Protein backbone atom coordinates (compact mmCIF):
# COMPACT_ATOMS: atom_id res chain seq x y z
CA MET A 1 90.66 96.02 93.33
CA VAL A 2 93.76 97.22 95.16
CA HIS A 3 93.18 99.87 97.77
CA GLY A 4 95.22 100.59 100.87
CA THR A 5 98.34 102.16 102.34
CA LEU A 6 101.79 102.01 100.80
CA GLU A 7 104.67 102.60 103.21
CA VAL A 8 107.98 103.53 101.62
CA LEU A 9 111.22 103.29 103.58
CA LEU A 10 113.77 105.48 101.79
CA ILE A 11 117.10 104.19 103.09
CA GLY A 12 119.75 105.80 100.94
CA ALA A 13 121.56 105.86 97.63
CA LYS A 14 125.02 105.02 96.40
CA GLY A 15 127.19 105.80 93.42
CA LEU A 16 125.24 108.91 92.42
CA GLU A 17 126.82 111.26 89.93
CA ASN A 18 128.02 114.32 91.87
CA THR A 19 126.50 117.45 90.33
CA ASP A 20 128.59 119.81 92.50
CA TYR A 21 132.14 120.10 91.22
CA LEU A 22 133.69 122.00 94.11
CA CYS A 23 132.07 120.25 97.07
CA ASN A 24 129.77 117.36 97.99
CA MET A 25 126.22 117.67 96.78
CA ASP A 26 123.24 117.93 99.14
CA PRO A 27 120.79 115.36 97.74
CA TYR A 28 117.10 114.97 98.53
CA ALA A 29 114.33 112.83 97.05
CA ILE A 30 110.87 113.59 95.74
CA LEU A 31 108.61 110.53 95.93
CA LYS A 32 105.58 110.50 93.66
CA CYS A 33 102.73 107.98 93.54
CA ARG A 34 100.14 109.16 91.00
CA SER A 35 99.06 112.64 92.19
CA GLN A 36 100.59 112.34 95.68
CA GLU A 37 104.04 113.81 96.18
CA GLN A 38 106.30 113.88 99.24
CA ARG A 39 109.82 115.18 99.81
CA SER A 40 112.65 113.80 101.94
CA SER A 41 114.97 115.86 104.06
CA ILE A 42 118.17 117.17 102.51
CA ALA A 43 121.22 114.96 103.16
CA SER A 44 123.55 117.94 103.59
CA GLY A 45 127.08 117.33 102.37
CA LYS A 46 126.48 113.59 101.90
CA GLY A 47 127.52 113.67 98.25
CA SER A 48 127.17 110.53 96.11
CA ASN A 49 126.20 108.17 98.97
CA PRO A 50 123.40 109.86 100.98
CA GLU A 51 121.40 108.18 103.73
CA TRP A 52 117.92 109.27 104.77
CA ASN A 53 116.25 106.36 106.63
CA GLU A 54 112.86 108.08 106.32
CA ASN A 55 109.33 106.64 106.05
CA PHE A 56 106.64 107.92 103.73
CA VAL A 57 102.98 106.85 103.54
CA PHE A 58 100.79 106.97 100.43
CA THR A 59 97.14 106.04 99.94
CA VAL A 60 96.94 103.87 96.83
CA SER A 61 94.33 102.39 94.53
CA ASP A 62 94.54 99.92 91.67
CA ARG A 63 95.57 102.65 89.27
CA ALA A 64 98.85 103.24 91.15
CA THR A 65 101.21 100.98 89.21
CA GLU A 66 104.55 102.57 90.09
CA LEU A 67 106.41 104.79 92.50
CA LEU A 68 108.68 107.44 90.99
CA ILE A 69 111.60 108.72 93.05
CA LYS A 70 113.40 111.78 91.69
CA LEU A 71 116.76 112.71 93.19
CA LEU A 72 117.86 116.32 93.22
CA ASP A 73 120.79 118.29 94.57
CA SER A 74 119.78 121.25 96.74
CA ASP A 75 121.60 124.38 95.60
CA THR A 76 121.56 127.78 97.28
CA GLY A 77 121.20 130.71 94.90
CA SER A 78 120.38 128.62 91.82
CA ALA A 79 117.89 125.98 90.68
CA ASP A 80 118.32 122.52 92.21
CA ASP A 81 120.15 120.07 89.93
CA PHE A 82 118.39 116.93 88.68
CA VAL A 83 120.53 113.93 89.66
CA GLY A 84 118.38 111.08 88.31
CA GLU A 85 115.26 109.04 88.98
CA ALA A 86 114.13 105.52 89.79
CA THR A 87 110.82 103.98 88.75
CA ILE A 88 109.66 101.19 91.08
CA PRO A 89 106.84 98.88 89.93
CA LEU A 90 104.26 98.24 92.67
CA GLU A 91 102.63 95.00 91.44
CA ALA A 92 104.93 92.78 93.55
CA VAL A 93 104.27 94.64 96.81
CA TYR A 94 100.49 94.33 96.20
CA THR A 95 100.77 90.54 95.97
CA GLU A 96 103.57 89.95 98.51
CA GLY A 97 102.57 92.53 101.14
CA SER A 98 106.15 93.73 101.58
CA ILE A 99 109.41 94.00 99.69
CA PRO A 100 112.57 94.11 101.83
CA PRO A 101 115.03 96.94 101.20
CA THR A 102 116.08 96.54 97.58
CA LEU A 103 118.45 98.42 95.26
CA TYR A 104 116.88 100.08 92.22
CA ASN A 105 118.76 101.72 89.37
CA VAL A 106 118.81 105.50 89.19
CA VAL A 107 118.83 106.77 85.62
CA LYS A 108 119.12 110.14 83.92
CA GLY A 109 117.62 109.73 80.48
CA GLU A 110 119.03 106.39 79.33
CA HIS A 111 122.21 106.81 81.42
CA TYR A 112 122.74 104.73 84.61
CA CYS A 113 123.88 107.02 87.42
CA GLY A 114 123.70 105.09 90.71
CA GLU A 115 121.35 103.07 92.90
CA ILE A 116 118.71 103.84 95.52
CA LYS A 117 117.73 101.50 98.36
CA VAL A 118 114.04 101.35 99.17
CA GLY A 119 111.77 99.04 101.22
CA LEU A 120 108.04 98.77 100.55
CA THR A 121 105.05 97.59 102.63
CA PHE A 122 101.45 97.45 101.46
CA THR A 123 98.52 97.24 103.87
CA PRO A 124 95.22 96.57 102.08
CA GLU A 125 92.00 98.24 103.13
CA TRP A 126 89.01 96.12 102.42
CA ASP A 127 85.83 97.78 101.21
CA MET A 128 83.16 96.66 103.62
CA GLN A 129 80.18 97.21 101.38
CA PRO A 130 76.93 95.89 102.77
CA VAL A 131 75.70 92.84 100.89
CA ILE A 132 72.17 93.23 99.57
CA ILE A 133 70.28 89.94 99.38
């Protein structure tokens, strides 16, 4: 049974589709692992190639099979625009312990719209149940 802490290093993205036509967009990310959700800072004016270099920590169990990262463009006065999302499978980080910063495709529906760079580290927590003899 997998149980422990998942550390996510959100480095940046490149080649994102700019949703602001008159200026650079202000992207941010929402990271979701099952019911846990965290939000990055807004990369103001960074446009299609934002950098965050932020760490996020999730508590995970064996039912957490993927990490979903949604990218949005922060807009003042209107709803934030959906830029795209990346789904990152977690099986490899459970077995390897860490995955170095890797590029994952960002998609909007079936349409490729850039890449996001993320590093992962998993630290297991062992259940120390008393053994009854």
